[in-house]
């Protein structure tokens, strides 16, 4: 069994991944600072679920309520557990929040990630997987987004920090031969999702008979990707560390691979859905019609996202495929129970 460190372990994706790893019998070390960006009670519910699952798991579960910015604590964790695999999902999330509070993103997404890279360096980690985001595509208009496209024009500071993570990881991969895989997530949703994202915001407002804001006057498309597909992709990457691209051409560089053991992959459903359609499916599942306020697009937002996942499929033999109807149904059933309790 491998020893796997998951940062952001109480987060939406982190908690779902930890449950899968424990189910597979892995030894998991979780780290999360349980910050108040959104209600910590939801994070505590996720941790309770993990704790209950760990009782029946052949693997071990250890949790630290700490921040990546605390380099001394991070050093102690690595010295104690010597993780073979590191999965970095800890970050200050949110495009709009980054416009109001950029310094928070500097500490969490840049300083914290640097501290983690330093520990990976000194402990010769076998595999580093880190969360990037579809937001790095910024001003790109050509859909679907491919890893070969430029990501030099971010439209939010959050996106800028995610691109910075990719560059930081590449430099450490080159200098210290750390196999590093960056996964660009596309609009992840599902049970236990983040309250600051559209599915939770919409569901709460609809059930409370409150109006929902529909930005860009409804002319938005998102590549909604179900949580189980994201977890499957990460899990498979655990078992296939990044490797050097032996055909890498420095005169015509491939933006998704490198002369270092480094890879970048999109992970999305490749079936962009109009926001209005998503709302309609959610209305059907909740049995209530939404009151809609149509508004202009917000700063930092993009009109549409769509992932090409051919590279991911060729690398791990998997691409997300959960239908929006199935995913929203599962989410709505969970949310009704959560809302009523």
Protein backbone atom coordinates (compact mmCIF):
# COMPACT_ATOMS: atom_id res chain seq x y z
CA UNK A 1 0.00 0.00 0.00
CA UNK A 2 1.08 3.53 -0.76
CA UNK A 3 0.98 6.40 1.71
CA UNK A 4 -0.99 9.22 0.11
CA UNK A 5 -1.19 12.82 1.30
CA UNK A 6 -4.35 14.65 0.22
CA UNK A 7 -4.41 18.38 0.89
CA UNK A 8 -7.81 20.06 0.97
CA UNK A 9 -9.12 16.75 2.33
CA UNK A 10 -12.29 18.29 3.79
CA UNK A 11 -13.12 20.05 0.54
CA UNK A 12 -15.63 18.89 -2.05
CA UNK A 13 -13.23 17.00 -4.32
CA UNK A 14 -10.76 16.15 -1.56
CA UNK A 15 -13.30 14.39 0.66
CA UNK A 16 -14.77 12.40 -2.23
CA UNK A 17 -11.26 11.32 -3.26
CA UNK A 18 -10.30 10.30 0.30
CA UNK A 19 -13.38 8.08 0.50
CA UNK A 20 -12.35 6.35 -2.74
CA UNK A 21 -8.76 5.89 -1.57
CA UNK A 22 -9.88 4.38 1.73
CA UNK A 23 -12.26 2.11 -0.14
CA UNK A 24 -9.26 0.90 -2.15
CA UNK A 25 -7.35 0.21 1.08
CA UNK A 26 -4.83 3.05 0.81
CA UNK A 27 -3.19 4.77 3.77
CA UNK A 28 -4.33 8.39 3.61
CA UNK A 29 -3.07 11.49 5.37
CA UNK A 30 -5.51 14.37 5.09
CA UNK A 31 -4.73 18.05 5.59
CA UNK A 32 -7.24 20.92 5.62
CA UNK A 33 -7.41 24.20 7.52
CA UNK A 34 -11.25 24.20 7.62
CA UNK A 35 -11.30 27.91 6.80
CA UNK A 36 -14.50 29.94 6.79
CA UNK A 37 -14.65 30.77 3.05
CA UNK A 38 -17.90 28.82 3.29
CA UNK A 39 -19.66 27.23 6.29
CA UNK A 40 -17.18 24.83 7.96
CA UNK A 41 -20.13 22.67 9.03
CA UNK A 42 -20.25 21.18 5.55
CA UNK A 43 -16.55 20.37 5.75
CA UNK A 44 -17.13 18.77 9.14
CA UNK A 45 -19.94 16.65 7.67
CA UNK A 46 -17.55 15.42 4.98
CA UNK A 47 -14.96 14.59 7.63
CA UNK A 48 -17.55 12.71 9.67
CA UNK A 49 -18.35 10.61 6.60
CA UNK A 50 -14.65 9.90 6.08
CA UNK A 51 -14.16 8.95 9.72
CA UNK A 52 -17.08 6.51 9.56
CA UNK A 53 -15.72 4.97 6.36
CA UNK A 54 -12.22 4.64 7.79
CA UNK A 55 -13.46 2.29 10.51
CA UNK A 56 -14.13 -0.38 7.90
CA UNK A 57 -11.19 0.42 5.64
CA UNK A 58 -8.06 -1.76 5.60
CA UNK A 59 -6.09 1.46 5.10
CA UNK A 60 -5.26 4.07 7.71
CA UNK A 61 -6.69 7.59 8.02
CA UNK A 62 -4.87 10.45 9.71
CA UNK A 63 -6.10 14.04 9.62
CA UNK A 64 -4.38 17.34 10.35
CA UNK A 65 -6.30 20.60 10.71
CA UNK A 66 -3.53 22.78 9.33
CA UNK A 67 -2.67 25.10 6.44
CA UNK A 68 -0.11 24.62 3.69
CA UNK A 69 1.26 28.02 4.65
CA UNK A 70 2.57 26.49 7.91
CA UNK A 71 5.79 25.05 6.56
CA UNK A 72 6.91 23.61 9.91
CA UNK A 73 3.74 21.55 10.33
CA UNK A 74 4.03 20.40 6.74
CA UNK A 75 7.62 19.33 7.37
CA UNK A 76 6.52 17.32 10.43
CA UNK A 77 3.79 15.57 8.43
CA UNK A 78 6.28 14.52 5.75
CA UNK A 79 8.83 13.38 8.34
CA UNK A 80 6.19 11.33 10.18
CA UNK A 81 4.37 9.73 7.25
CA UNK A 82 6.77 9.88 4.28
CA UNK A 83 3.99 10.02 1.67
CA UNK A 84 4.73 8.30 -1.63
CA UNK A 85 2.01 10.18 -3.47
CA UNK A 86 0.94 13.80 -2.91
CA UNK A 87 -2.37 15.12 -4.23
CA UNK A 88 -2.75 18.87 -3.82
CA UNK A 89 -6.40 19.96 -3.81
CA UNK A 90 -5.97 22.69 -1.20
CA UNK A 91 -6.48 26.17 -2.59
CA UNK A 92 -8.44 29.31 -2.11
CA UNK A 93 -11.20 28.76 -4.63
CA UNK A 94 -13.59 31.12 -6.38
CA UNK A 95 -13.16 33.39 -9.38
CA UNK A 96 -15.22 36.30 -8.04
CA UNK A 97 -13.78 36.18 -4.52
CA UNK A 98 -10.28 36.55 -6.01
CA UNK A 99 -11.22 40.00 -7.32
CA UNK A 100 -12.11 41.19 -3.82
CA UNK A 101 -9.43 39.34 -1.82
CA UNK A 102 -6.37 38.69 -4.02
CA UNK A 103 -3.94 38.49 -1.09
CA UNK A 104 -5.74 35.40 0.22
CA UNK A 105 -4.97 33.63 -3.06
CA UNK A 106 -1.33 34.62 -2.89
CA UNK A 107 -0.94 32.93 0.49
CA UNK A 108 -2.99 29.80 -0.15
CA UNK A 109 -2.34 29.12 -3.82
CA UNK A 110 1.23 30.37 -4.20
CA UNK A 111 3.01 30.35 -0.83
CA UNK A 112 1.24 27.20 0.32
CA UNK A 113 1.96 25.36 -2.92
CA UNK A 114 5.62 26.37 -2.77
CA UNK A 115 5.88 24.92 0.74
CA UNK A 116 4.41 21.66 -0.55
CA UNK A 117 6.78 21.53 -3.52
CA UNK A 118 9.72 21.98 -1.16
CA UNK A 119 8.66 18.96 0.90
CA UNK A 120 8.14 16.91 -2.26
CA UNK A 121 11.68 17.87 -3.22
CA UNK A 122 13.31 16.82 0.04
CA UNK A 123 11.33 13.60 0.42
CA UNK A 124 11.66 12.32 -3.17
CA UNK A 125 7.92 11.95 -3.69
CA UNK A 126 7.07 9.34 -6.34
CA UNK A 127 4.06 11.17 -7.77
CA UNK A 128 2.64 14.68 -7.39
CA UNK A 129 -0.86 15.41 -8.68
CA UNK A 130 -2.18 18.95 -8.35
CA UNK A 131 -5.43 20.72 -9.13
CA UNK A 132 -5.43 23.27 -11.88
CA UNK A 133 -8.57 24.73 -13.43
CA UNK A 134 -10.38 25.33 -16.71
CA UNK A 135 -10.19 29.00 -15.76
CA UNK A 136 -6.58 29.11 -17.00
CA UNK A 137 -7.97 29.20 -20.56
CA UNK A 138 -9.18 32.72 -19.81
CA UNK A 139 -9.83 34.69 -22.96
CA UNK A 140 -9.71 31.70 -25.33
CA UNK A 141 -12.78 31.51 -27.55
CA UNK A 142 -12.08 28.36 -29.55
CA UNK A 143 -13.99 25.40 -28.10
CA UNK A 144 -13.42 22.78 -26.95
CA UNK A 145 -10.38 23.83 -24.95
CA UNK A 146 -7.29 21.75 -25.69
CA UNK A 147 -4.09 21.55 -23.68
CA UNK A 148 -2.24 22.74 -26.79
CA UNK A 149 -3.90 26.18 -26.53
CA UNK A 150 -2.23 29.20 -24.98
CA UNK A 151 -3.15 30.00 -21.39
CA UNK A 152 -1.37 33.36 -21.33
CA UNK A 153 -4.47 35.55 -20.95
CA UNK A 154 -6.22 34.85 -17.60
CA UNK A 155 -9.29 36.96 -16.84
CA UNK A 156 -9.22 36.50 -13.04
CA UNK A 157 -6.50 36.45 -10.40
CA UNK A 158 -7.67 32.97 -9.37
CA UNK A 159 -6.87 31.77 -12.89
CA UNK A 160 -3.49 33.49 -12.74
CA UNK A 161 -2.60 31.60 -9.54
CA UNK A 162 -3.61 28.30 -11.15
CA UNK A 163 -1.40 28.96 -14.15
CA UNK A 164 1.36 29.90 -11.71
CA UNK A 165 0.92 26.51 -10.01
CA UNK A 166 1.49 24.77 -13.34
CA UNK A 167 4.69 26.76 -13.93
CA UNK A 168 5.94 26.21 -10.37
CA UNK A 169 5.31 22.47 -10.57
CA UNK A 170 7.10 22.26 -13.91
CA UNK A 171 10.20 23.98 -12.56
CA UNK A 172 10.39 21.57 -9.60
CA UNK A 173 9.71 18.63 -11.89
CA UNK A 174 12.66 19.68 -14.05
CA UNK A 175 15.04 20.58 -11.24
CA UNK A 176 14.32 17.70 -8.87
CA UNK A 177 12.79 15.04 -11.15
CA UNK A 178 9.43 15.07 -9.35
CA UNK A 179 6.79 13.35 -11.54
CA UNK A 180 4.04 16.00 -11.65
CA UNK A 181 0.57 15.90 -13.17
CA UNK A 182 -1.68 18.96 -13.36
CA UNK A 183 -5.41 18.37 -13.84
CA UNK A 184 -7.53 21.19 -15.22
CA UNK A 185 -10.94 20.62 -13.63
CA UNK A 186 -14.09 21.76 -15.43
CA UNK A 187 -17.05 22.91 -13.23
CA UNK A 188 -17.27 20.03 -10.77
CA UNK A 189 -20.67 19.36 -9.17
CA UNK A 190 -22.49 16.69 -7.18
CA UNK A 191 -23.45 15.73 -3.60
CA UNK A 192 -21.56 17.60 -0.86
CA UNK A 193 -20.63 20.29 -3.40
CA UNK A 194 -19.32 23.77 -2.67
CA UNK A 195 -21.97 26.27 -1.49
CA UNK A 196 -20.40 29.09 -3.53
CA UNK A 197 -20.99 27.31 -6.84
CA UNK A 198 -24.08 27.57 -9.04
CA UNK A 199 -25.73 24.19 -8.26
CA UNK A 200 -25.82 24.85 -4.51
CA UNK A 201 -26.73 28.53 -4.91
CA UNK A 202 -29.57 27.67 -7.29
CA UNK A 203 -30.91 24.76 -5.23
CA UNK A 204 -30.98 26.82 -2.04
CA UNK A 205 -32.74 29.76 -3.68
CA UNK A 206 -35.29 27.59 -5.49
CA UNK A 207 -36.29 25.74 -2.32
CA UNK A 208 -36.53 29.02 -0.42
CA UNK A 209 -38.63 30.54 -3.22
CA UNK A 210 -36.02 33.23 -3.72
CA UNK A 211 -34.89 34.60 -7.12
CA UNK A 212 -31.67 33.34 -8.65
CA UNK A 213 -29.26 35.52 -10.63
CA UNK A 214 -28.68 34.25 -14.16
CA UNK A 215 -25.66 36.07 -15.54
CA UNK A 216 -24.92 37.08 -19.12
CA UNK A 217 -28.71 37.02 -19.55
CA UNK A 218 -28.60 33.23 -19.62
CA UNK A 219 -26.11 32.99 -22.47
CA UNK A 220 -23.64 30.86 -20.53
CA UNK A 221 -22.41 27.32 -21.12
CA UNK A 222 -20.48 25.20 -18.67
CA UNK A 223 -18.84 21.80 -18.99
CA UNK A 224 -20.44 20.42 -15.81
CA UNK A 225 -18.42 17.42 -14.62
CA UNK A 226 -19.81 14.98 -12.05
CA UNK A 227 -17.72 14.43 -8.93
CA UNK A 228 -17.37 10.65 -9.40
CA UNK A 229 -15.75 11.20 -12.80
CA UNK A 230 -13.26 13.63 -11.31
CA UNK A 231 -12.37 11.17 -8.55
CA UNK A 232 -11.91 8.35 -11.05
CA UNK A 233 -9.55 10.46 -13.13
CA UNK A 234 -7.43 11.45 -10.13
CA UNK A 235 -7.34 7.88 -8.83
CA UNK A 236 -6.09 6.53 -12.14
CA UNK A 237 -3.40 9.21 -12.28
CA UNK A 238 -2.20 8.00 -8.87
CA UNK A 239 -1.13 4.80 -10.57
CA UNK A 240 0.49 6.43 -13.57
CA UNK A 241 3.02 9.12 -12.62
CA UNK A 242 4.01 11.68 -15.21
CA UNK A 243 6.97 10.74 -17.39
CA UNK A 244 9.38 12.52 -19.69
CA UNK A 245 8.08 13.01 -23.22
CA UNK A 246 10.89 11.40 -25.22
CA UNK A 247 9.58 13.03 -28.39
CA UNK A 248 9.44 16.54 -26.88
CA UNK A 249 10.65 19.13 -29.38
CA UNK A 250 12.17 22.20 -27.75
CA UNK A 251 11.83 24.09 -31.05
CA UNK A 252 8.11 23.32 -31.22
CA UNK A 253 7.16 22.61 -27.60
CA UNK A 254 4.14 20.55 -26.61
CA UNK A 255 2.20 22.56 -23.99
CA UNK A 256 0.88 19.43 -22.23
CA UNK A 257 4.17 17.52 -21.76
CA UNK A 258 7.85 18.26 -21.27
CA UNK A 259 11.48 17.18 -21.26
CA UNK A 260 10.77 16.91 -17.51
CA UNK A 261 8.43 14.28 -15.96
CA UNK A 262 5.46 16.62 -16.24
CA UNK A 263 1.98 16.39 -17.77
CA UNK A 264 -1.12 18.58 -18.03
CA UNK A 265 -4.60 17.18 -18.71
CA UNK A 266 -8.11 18.52 -19.05
CA UNK A 267 -10.68 16.61 -17.03
CA UNK A 268 -14.21 17.56 -18.04
CA UNK A 269 -17.38 15.97 -19.35
CA UNK A 270 -16.91 17.35 -22.89
CA UNK A 271 -20.66 18.05 -23.10
CA UNK A 272 -21.18 21.75 -22.33
CA UNK A 273 -24.64 22.57 -21.04
CA UNK A 274 -26.49 25.86 -21.29
CA UNK A 275 -27.02 27.33 -17.85
CA UNK A 276 -30.75 27.64 -18.54
CA UNK A 277 -30.95 23.92 -19.31
CA UNK A 278 -29.12 23.08 -16.08
CA UNK A 279 -31.64 25.21 -14.16
CA UNK A 280 -34.56 23.50 -15.91
CA UNK A 281 -33.27 20.03 -15.00
CA UNK A 282 -32.78 21.16 -11.40
CA UNK A 283 -36.30 22.62 -11.34
CA UNK A 284 -37.72 19.27 -12.47
CA UNK A 285 -35.76 17.37 -9.82
CA UNK A 286 -36.79 19.76 -7.02
CA UNK A 287 -40.36 20.09 -8.29
CA UNK A 288 -40.28 23.91 -8.08
CA UNK A 289 -39.90 26.57 -10.75
CA UNK A 290 -37.11 29.09 -10.24
CA UNK A 291 -37.60 32.84 -10.16
CA UNK A 292 -34.90 34.24 -12.43
CA UNK A 293 -33.11 37.58 -12.46
CA UNK A 294 -31.25 37.99 -15.77
CA UNK A 295 -28.09 40.06 -15.37
CA UNK A 296 -24.95 41.04 -17.34
CA UNK A 297 -21.87 38.85 -17.18
CA UNK A 298 -19.69 39.37 -14.08
CA UNK A 299 -16.02 40.42 -14.11
CA UNK A 300 -13.75 37.40 -14.32
CA UNK A 301 -16.41 35.13 -15.85
CA UNK A 302 -16.22 33.52 -19.29
CA UNK A 303 -19.18 32.77 -21.53
CA UNK A 304 -18.46 29.10 -22.18
CA UNK A 305 -16.19 26.21 -21.25
CA UNK A 306 -15.75 22.85 -22.93
CA UNK A 307 -13.03 20.25 -22.45
CA UNK A 308 -11.30 18.12 -25.01
CA UNK A 309 -10.13 15.08 -23.01
CA UNK A 310 -8.42 13.02 -25.71
CA UNK A 311 -5.04 13.32 -23.98
CA UNK A 312 -6.43 12.17 -20.64
CA UNK A 313 -8.15 9.22 -22.30
CA UNK A 314 -4.97 8.17 -24.09
CA UNK A 315 -2.99 8.48 -20.83
CA UNK A 316 -5.22 6.61 -18.36
CA UNK A 317 -7.93 5.05 -20.54
CA UNK A 318 -10.71 7.14 -19.04
CA UNK A 319 -12.82 10.17 -19.85
CA UNK A 320 -15.77 11.58 -17.87
CA UNK A 321 -19.16 10.56 -19.25
CA UNK A 322 -21.82 11.01 -16.55
CA UNK A 323 -24.92 12.62 -18.09
CA UNK A 324 -26.14 15.94 -16.74
CA UNK A 325 -29.56 14.40 -16.07
CA UNK A 326 -28.10 11.64 -13.88
CA UNK A 327 -25.69 13.97 -12.10
CA UNK A 328 -28.26 16.64 -11.29
CA UNK A 329 -30.69 13.94 -10.07
CA UNK A 330 -28.08 12.59 -7.64
CA UNK A 331 -27.20 16.10 -6.51
CA UNK A 332 -30.84 17.14 -6.00
CA UNK A 333 -31.65 14.03 -3.94
CA UNK A 334 -28.69 14.73 -1.69
CA UNK A 335 -29.45 18.44 -1.42
CA UNK A 336 -33.08 17.86 -0.40
CA UNK A 337 -31.90 15.70 2.48
CA UNK A 338 -29.17 18.21 3.42
CA UNK A 339 -31.56 21.18 3.21
CA UNK A 340 -34.19 19.49 5.34
CA UNK A 341 -31.73 18.66 8.08
